[in-house]
Amino acid sequence: AREVEADLVVMGTHGHTGLKHVLLGSVAERTVRDGPCAVLAVKGGDSRAMETMERIIVAVDFSEHSDQALDVAVEFAKQFGAELHLIHALDVRIPVMTPYEVVIPTAFIRQARGAVASKLDVLVQKVATEGETASSHLSEAPAASAIVELAEKLGANLIVMGTRGHTGLKHVLLGSVAERTLRHAPCSVLTVKTSSG
């Protein structure tokens, strides 16, 4: 991909989990992590995955990475006449302060939900300026789980998301939402890298 300055890598994925995943890893996940460009991972057994595109999920975290992913998803929606569904997983971090219990005030959580809902509304309006419509979804589950659950619930054909491409210790500690989503997604996954890398 670097040699030919590719814009996109397209590959199939078996979606190994458990011990097989630990032992073999995943070429698709490593390509998502280390590749220089966008990667479209087509789930095994879905030979006509890209022929019908009715529902596209876009994972958004309001970063430049997800902004670029949204732009790409809007273009797909235009090409296929697909529904767009934006999802954000609300990350309410609970500090670890043993032996004391920490309770996050309900008002704080309500305020966080309201702020995220407003940001989602802005993105829905942005999509509208492109002549497309989008639905927004707010989840309080971990990001990868929230994305996969919504894809299963809606019968999505494609998940589009940005990736930061963490490597080294940061990758070991934080993992990658994109890689975890790819591992468990019921449909194809397109990961978009920002031009800034």
C-alpha atoms as a PDB file:
ATOM      1  CA  ALA A   1       0.000   0.000   0.000  1.00  0.00           C
ATOM      2  CA  ARG A   2       2.857   2.392   0.797  1.00  0.00           C
ATOM      3  CA  GLU A   3       4.750   1.398  -2.332  1.00  0.00           C
ATOM      4  CA  VAL A   4       1.869   2.210  -4.686  1.00  0.00           C
ATOM      5  CA  GLU A   5       0.486   5.063  -2.502  1.00  0.00           C
ATOM      6  CA  ALA A   6      -2.862   3.278  -2.254  1.00  0.00           C
ATOM      7  CA  ASP A   7      -5.993   5.090  -1.113  1.00  0.00           C
ATOM      8  CA  LEU A   8      -7.764   1.921  -0.015  1.00  0.00           C
ATOM      9  CA  VAL A   9      -6.952  -1.666   0.956  1.00  0.00           C
ATOM     10  CA  VAL A  10      -9.801  -4.162   0.503  1.00  0.00           C
ATOM     11  CA  MET A  11      -9.548  -7.519   2.231  1.00  0.00           C
ATOM     12  CA  GLY A  12     -11.611 -10.346   3.647  1.00  0.00           C
ATOM     13  CA  THR A  13     -11.628 -11.183   7.336  1.00  0.00           C
ATOM     14  CA  HIS A  14     -12.432 -14.406   9.161  1.00  0.00           C
ATOM     15  CA  GLY A  15     -13.282 -12.692  12.439  1.00  0.00           C
ATOM     16  CA  HIS A  16     -11.400 -15.121  14.727  1.00  0.00           C
ATOM     17  CA  THR A  17     -12.127 -14.697  18.428  1.00  0.00           C
ATOM     18  CA  GLY A  18     -10.936 -16.334  21.627  1.00  0.00           C
ATOM     19  CA  LEU A  19      -7.800 -18.490  21.685  1.00  0.00           C
ATOM     20  CA  LYS A  20      -7.524 -18.678  17.896  1.00  0.00           C
ATOM     21  CA  HIS A  21      -7.423 -14.871  17.786  1.00  0.00           C
ATOM     22  CA  VAL A  22      -4.794 -14.708  20.528  1.00  0.00           C
ATOM     23  CA  LEU A  23      -2.593 -17.267  18.762  1.00  0.00           C
ATOM     24  CA  LEU A  24      -3.044 -16.144  15.166  1.00  0.00           C
ATOM     25  CA  GLY A  25      -3.949 -12.524  15.533  1.00  0.00           C
ATOM     26  CA  SER A  26      -5.745 -10.983  12.607  1.00  0.00           C
ATOM     27  CA  VAL A  27      -4.165  -9.780   9.382  1.00  0.00           C
ATOM     28  CA  ALA A  28      -7.111  -7.412   8.925  1.00  0.00           C
ATOM     29  CA  GLU A  29      -6.674  -5.908  12.406  1.00  0.00           C
ATOM     30  CA  ARG A  30      -2.929  -5.477  11.926  1.00  0.00           C
ATOM     31  CA  THR A  31      -3.529  -3.870   8.546  1.00  0.00           C
ATOM     32  CA  VAL A  32      -6.038  -1.464  10.117  1.00  0.00           C
ATOM     33  CA  ARG A  33      -3.507  -0.616  12.820  1.00  0.00           C
ATOM     34  CA  ASP A  34      -0.381  -0.273  10.669  1.00  0.00           C
ATOM     35  CA  GLY A  35      -1.660   0.521   7.181  1.00  0.00           C
ATOM     36  CA  PRO A  36      -1.122   3.957   5.639  1.00  0.00           C
ATOM     37  CA  CYS A  37      -4.635   4.307   4.225  1.00  0.00           C
ATOM     38  CA  ALA A  38      -8.274   3.339   4.623  1.00  0.00           C
ATOM     39  CA  VAL A  39      -9.079  -0.373   4.972  1.00  0.00           C
ATOM     40  CA  LEU A  40     -12.315  -2.059   3.917  1.00  0.00           C
ATOM     41  CA  ALA A  41     -12.622  -5.397   5.723  1.00  0.00           C
ATOM     42  CA  VAL A  42     -15.322  -7.537   4.121  1.00  0.00           C
ATOM     43  CA  LYS A  43     -16.710 -10.151   6.470  1.00  0.00           C
ATOM     44  CA  GLY A  44     -16.191 -13.738   5.319  1.00  0.00           C
ATOM     45  CA  GLY A  45     -19.182 -15.429   3.735  1.00  0.00           C
ATOM     46  CA  ASP A  46     -20.746 -12.130   2.637  1.00  0.00           C
ATOM     47  CA  SER A  47     -19.849 -12.345  -1.059  1.00  0.00           C
ATOM     48  CA  ARG A  48     -22.436  -9.721  -2.024  1.00  0.00           C
ATOM     49  CA  ALA A  49     -21.655  -7.420   0.915  1.00  0.00           C
ATOM     50  CA  MET A  50     -21.175  -4.313  -1.181  1.00  0.00           C
ATOM     51  CA  GLU A  51     -23.968  -4.868  -3.707  1.00  0.00           C
ATOM     52  CA  THR A  52     -26.778  -3.778  -1.402  1.00  0.00           C
ATOM     53  CA  MET A  53     -26.107  -0.963   1.000  1.00  0.00           C
ATOM     54  CA  GLU A  54     -29.249  -0.095   2.952  1.00  0.00           C
ATOM     55  CA  ARG A  55     -27.947   0.918   6.375  1.00  0.00           C
ATOM     56  CA  ILE A  56     -24.583   2.467   7.233  1.00  0.00           C
ATOM     57  CA  ILE A  57     -23.417   3.073  10.798  1.00  0.00           C
ATOM     58  CA  VAL A  58     -20.884   5.806  11.481  1.00  0.00           C
ATOM     59  CA  ALA A  59     -19.032   5.796  14.795  1.00  0.00           C
ATOM     60  CA  VAL A  60     -18.458   9.394  15.930  1.00  0.00           C
ATOM     61  CA  ASP A  61     -16.396  10.771  18.788  1.00  0.00           C
ATOM     62  CA  PHE A  62     -16.313  14.383  17.510  1.00  0.00           C
ATOM     63  CA  SER A  63     -12.615  14.166  16.581  1.00  0.00           C
ATOM     64  CA  GLU A  64     -11.033  14.945  13.206  1.00  0.00           C
ATOM     65  CA  HIS A  65     -10.849  11.168  12.665  1.00  0.00           C
ATOM     66  CA  SER A  66     -14.588  10.672  12.986  1.00  0.00           C
ATOM     67  CA  ASP A  67     -15.299  13.846  10.967  1.00  0.00           C
ATOM     68  CA  GLN A  68     -13.421  12.351   8.032  1.00  0.00           C
ATOM     69  CA  ALA A  69     -15.182   9.003   8.506  1.00  0.00           C
ATOM     70  CA  LEU A  70     -18.540  10.817   8.439  1.00  0.00           C
ATOM     71  CA  ASP A  71     -17.611  12.557   5.168  1.00  0.00           C
ATOM     72  CA  VAL A  72     -16.781   9.183   3.600  1.00  0.00           C
ATOM     73  CA  ALA A  73     -20.009   7.613   4.925  1.00  0.00           C
ATOM     74  CA  VAL A  74     -22.079  10.467   3.461  1.00  0.00           C
ATOM     75  CA  GLU A  75     -20.555   9.760   0.041  1.00  0.00           C
ATOM     76  CA  PHE A  76     -21.438   6.069   0.388  1.00  0.00           C
ATOM     77  CA  ALA A  77     -24.991   7.013   1.400  1.00  0.00           C
ATOM     78  CA  LYS A  78     -25.314   9.185  -1.702  1.00  0.00           C
ATOM     79  CA  GLN A  79     -24.025   6.425  -3.976  1.00  0.00           C
ATOM     80  CA  PHE A  80     -26.242   3.678  -2.548  1.00  0.00           C
ATOM     81  CA  GLY A  81     -29.251   5.603  -1.239  1.00  0.00           C
ATOM     82  CA  ALA A  82     -28.508   4.154   2.203  1.00  0.00           C
ATOM     83  CA  GLU A  83     -29.749   5.216   5.636  1.00  0.00           C
ATOM     84  CA  LEU A  84     -27.097   6.812   7.848  1.00  0.00           C
ATOM     85  CA  HIS A  85     -26.991   6.085  11.574  1.00  0.00           C
ATOM     86  CA  LEU A  86     -24.544   8.005  13.771  1.00  0.00           C
ATOM     87  CA  ILE A  87     -23.538   6.468  17.081  1.00  0.00           C
ATOM     88  CA  HIS A  88     -21.578   7.878  19.991  1.00  0.00           C
ATOM     89  CA  ALA A  89     -20.667   5.915  23.102  1.00  0.00           C
ATOM     90  CA  LEU A  90     -20.746   8.201  26.121  1.00  0.00           C
ATOM     91  CA  ASP A  91     -17.584   7.566  28.108  1.00  0.00           C
ATOM     92  CA  VAL A  92     -18.239   8.473  31.746  1.00  0.00           C
ATOM     93  CA  ARG A  93     -14.978   7.657  33.478  1.00  0.00           C
ATOM     94  CA  ILE A  94     -15.293   6.522  37.095  1.00  0.00           C
ATOM     95  CA  PRO A  95     -12.100   7.191  39.051  1.00  0.00           C
ATOM     96  CA  VAL A  96     -10.756   4.255  41.051  1.00  0.00           C
ATOM     97  CA  MET A  97     -10.542   5.374  44.665  1.00  0.00           C
ATOM     98  CA  THR A  98     -10.608   2.234  46.779  1.00  0.00           C
ATOM     99  CA  PRO A  99     -11.659   1.642  49.502  1.00  0.00           C
ATOM    100  CA  TYR A 100     -14.001   4.611  48.992  1.00  0.00           C
ATOM    101  CA  GLU A 101     -17.010   4.240  46.727  1.00  0.00           C
ATOM    102  CA  VAL A 102     -17.316   6.879  44.043  1.00  0.00           C
ATOM    103  CA  VAL A 103     -20.757   7.902  42.901  1.00  0.00           C
ATOM    104  CA  ILE A 104     -21.091  10.104  39.837  1.00  0.00           C
ATOM    105  CA  PRO A 105     -23.838  12.661  40.489  1.00  0.00           C
ATOM    106  CA  THR A 106     -26.916  12.071  38.355  1.00  0.00           C
ATOM    107  CA  ALA A 107     -26.899  15.740  37.354  1.00  0.00           C
ATOM    108  CA  PHE A 108     -23.394  15.332  35.887  1.00  0.00           C
ATOM    109  CA  ILE A 109     -24.453  12.331  33.796  1.00  0.00           C
ATOM    110  CA  ARG A 110     -27.573  14.182  32.613  1.00  0.00           C
ATOM    111  CA  GLN A 111     -25.432  17.160  31.638  1.00  0.00           C
ATOM    112  CA  ALA A 112     -22.983  14.919  29.745  1.00  0.00           C
ATOM    113  CA  ARG A 113     -25.846  13.235  27.885  1.00  0.00           C
ATOM    114  CA  GLY A 114     -27.277  16.624  26.939  1.00  0.00           C
ATOM    115  CA  ALA A 115     -23.922  17.902  25.672  1.00  0.00           C
ATOM    116  CA  VAL A 116     -23.369  14.800  23.532  1.00  0.00           C
ATOM    117  CA  ALA A 117     -26.932  14.905  22.188  1.00  0.00           C
ATOM    118  CA  SER A 118     -26.344  18.515  21.099  1.00  0.00           C
ATOM    119  CA  LYS A 119     -23.122  17.556  19.319  1.00  0.00           C
ATOM    120  CA  LEU A 120     -24.921  14.687  17.567  1.00  0.00           C
ATOM    121  CA  ASP A 121     -27.634  17.131  16.455  1.00  0.00           C
ATOM    122  CA  VAL A 122     -24.935  19.337  14.889  1.00  0.00           C
ATOM    123  CA  LEU A 123     -23.617  16.352  12.907  1.00  0.00           C
ATOM    124  CA  VAL A 124     -27.144  15.388  11.791  1.00  0.00           C
ATOM    125  CA  GLN A 125     -27.558  18.973  10.514  1.00  0.00           C
ATOM    126  CA  LYS A 126     -24.179  18.756   8.751  1.00  0.00           C
ATOM    127  CA  VAL A 127     -25.370  15.615   6.962  1.00  0.00           C
ATOM    128  CA  ALA A 128     -28.587  17.431   6.015  1.00  0.00           C
ATOM    129  CA  THR A 129     -26.571  20.165   4.272  1.00  0.00           C
ATOM    130  CA  GLU A 130     -25.203  17.365   2.050  1.00  0.00           C
ATOM    131  CA  GLY A 131     -28.752  16.416   1.082  1.00  0.00           C
ATOM    132  CA  GLU A 132     -28.832  13.273   3.227  1.00  0.00           C
ATOM    133  CA  THR A 133     -30.687  12.358   6.406  1.00  0.00           C
ATOM    134  CA  ALA A 134     -29.209  10.680   9.464  1.00  0.00           C
ATOM    135  CA  SER A 135     -30.453   9.232  12.737  1.00  0.00           C
ATOM    136  CA  SER A 136     -28.407   9.601  15.905  1.00  0.00           C
ATOM    137  CA  HIS A 137     -27.888   7.046  18.662  1.00  0.00           C
ATOM    138  CA  LEU A 138     -26.354   7.621  22.082  1.00  0.00           C
ATOM    139  CA  SER A 139     -25.066   4.644  24.051  1.00  0.00           C
ATOM    140  CA  GLU A 140     -23.429   4.314  27.443  1.00  0.00           C
ATOM    141  CA  ALA A 141     -21.910   0.919  26.642  1.00  0.00           C
ATOM    142  CA  PRO A 142     -18.197   0.608  25.779  1.00  0.00           C
ATOM    143  CA  ALA A 143     -17.658   1.971  22.261  1.00  0.00           C
ATOM    144  CA  ALA A 144     -16.943  -1.253  20.334  1.00  0.00           C
ATOM    145  CA  SER A 145     -19.833  -3.080  22.032  1.00  0.00           C
ATOM    146  CA  ALA A 146     -22.204  -0.182  21.343  1.00  0.00           C
ATOM    147  CA  ILE A 147     -21.269  -0.093  17.649  1.00  0.00           C
ATOM    148  CA  VAL A 148     -21.586  -3.864  17.195  1.00  0.00           C
ATOM    149  CA  GLU A 149     -24.910  -4.013  19.078  1.00  0.00           C
ATOM    150  CA  LEU A 150     -26.398  -1.256  16.916  1.00  0.00           C
ATOM    151  CA  ALA A 151     -25.146  -2.959  13.735  1.00  0.00           C
ATOM    152  CA  GLU A 152     -26.804  -6.211  14.813  1.00  0.00           C
ATOM    153  CA  LYS A 153     -30.033  -4.483  15.826  1.00  0.00           C
ATOM    154  CA  LEU A 154     -30.368  -2.553  12.562  1.00  0.00           C
ATOM    155  CA  GLY A 155     -29.015  -5.241  10.253  1.00  0.00           C
ATOM    156  CA  ALA A 156     -26.369  -2.785   9.041  1.00  0.00           C
ATOM    157  CA  ASN A 157     -24.415  -3.453   5.865  1.00  0.00           C
ATOM    158  CA  LEU A 158     -21.387  -1.313   6.714  1.00  0.00           C
ATOM    159  CA  ILE A 159     -19.724   0.319   9.704  1.00  0.00           C
ATOM    160  CA  VAL A 160     -17.554   3.358   8.961  1.00  0.00           C
ATOM    161  CA  MET A 161     -15.161   4.694  11.565  1.00  0.00           C
ATOM    162  CA  GLY A 162     -11.998   6.723  11.910  1.00  0.00           C
ATOM    163  CA  THR A 163      -8.868   5.256  13.417  1.00  0.00           C
ATOM    164  CA  ARG A 164      -5.984   6.863  15.248  1.00  0.00           C
ATOM    165  CA  GLY A 165      -3.650   3.911  14.695  1.00  0.00           C
ATOM    166  CA  HIS A 166      -2.188   3.659  18.217  1.00  0.00           C
ATOM    167  CA  THR A 167       0.913   1.501  18.366  1.00  0.00           C
ATOM    168  CA  GLY A 168       3.309   0.253  21.050  1.00  0.00           C
ATOM    169  CA  LEU A 169       2.462   0.602  24.731  1.00  0.00           C
ATOM    170  CA  LYS A 170      -0.495   2.895  24.086  1.00  0.00           C
ATOM    171  CA  HIS A 171      -2.035   0.219  21.858  1.00  0.00           C
ATOM    172  CA  VAL A 172      -1.407  -2.500  24.466  1.00  0.00           C
ATOM    173  CA  LEU A 173      -3.017  -0.410  27.211  1.00  0.00           C
ATOM    174  CA  LEU A 174      -5.921   1.108  25.298  1.00  0.00           C
ATOM    175  CA  GLY A 175      -6.433  -1.378  22.527  1.00  0.00           C
ATOM    176  CA  SER A 176      -8.288  -0.069  19.525  1.00  0.00           C
ATOM    177  CA  VAL A 177     -12.006   0.489  19.210  1.00  0.00           C
ATOM    178  CA  ALA A 178     -11.620  -0.060  15.460  1.00  0.00           C
ATOM    179  CA  GLU A 179      -9.909  -3.418  15.917  1.00  0.00           C
ATOM    180  CA  ARG A 180     -12.398  -4.641  18.530  1.00  0.00           C
ATOM    181  CA  THR A 181     -15.274  -3.546  16.313  1.00  0.00           C
ATOM    182  CA  LEU A 182     -13.746  -5.324  13.335  1.00  0.00           C
ATOM    183  CA  ARG A 183     -13.326  -8.508  15.373  1.00  0.00           C
ATOM    184  CA  HIS A 184     -16.991  -8.694  16.429  1.00  0.00           C
ATOM    185  CA  ALA A 185     -18.904  -6.775  13.744  1.00  0.00           C
ATOM    186  CA  PRO A 186     -21.700  -8.619  11.938  1.00  0.00           C
ATOM    187  CA  CYS A 187     -20.971  -6.728   8.711  1.00  0.00           C
ATOM    188  CA  SER A 188     -18.161  -5.154   6.721  1.00  0.00           C
ATOM    189  CA  VAL A 189     -16.095  -2.402   8.366  1.00  0.00           C
ATOM    190  CA  LEU A 190     -14.420   0.564   6.665  1.00  0.00           C
ATOM    191  CA  THR A 191     -11.735   2.270   8.751  1.00  0.00           C
ATOM    192  CA  VAL A 192     -10.643   5.692   7.602  1.00  0.00           C
ATOM    193  CA  LYS A 193      -7.279   7.223   8.456  1.00  0.00           C
ATOM    194  CA  THR A 194      -6.946  10.986   8.554  1.00  0.00           C
ATOM    195  CA  SER A 195      -4.525  12.478   6.088  1.00  0.00           C
ATOM    196  CA  SER A 196      -2.498  13.796   9.041  1.00  0.00           C
ATOM    197  CA  GLY A 197      -1.944  10.144  10.069  1.00  0.00           C
END
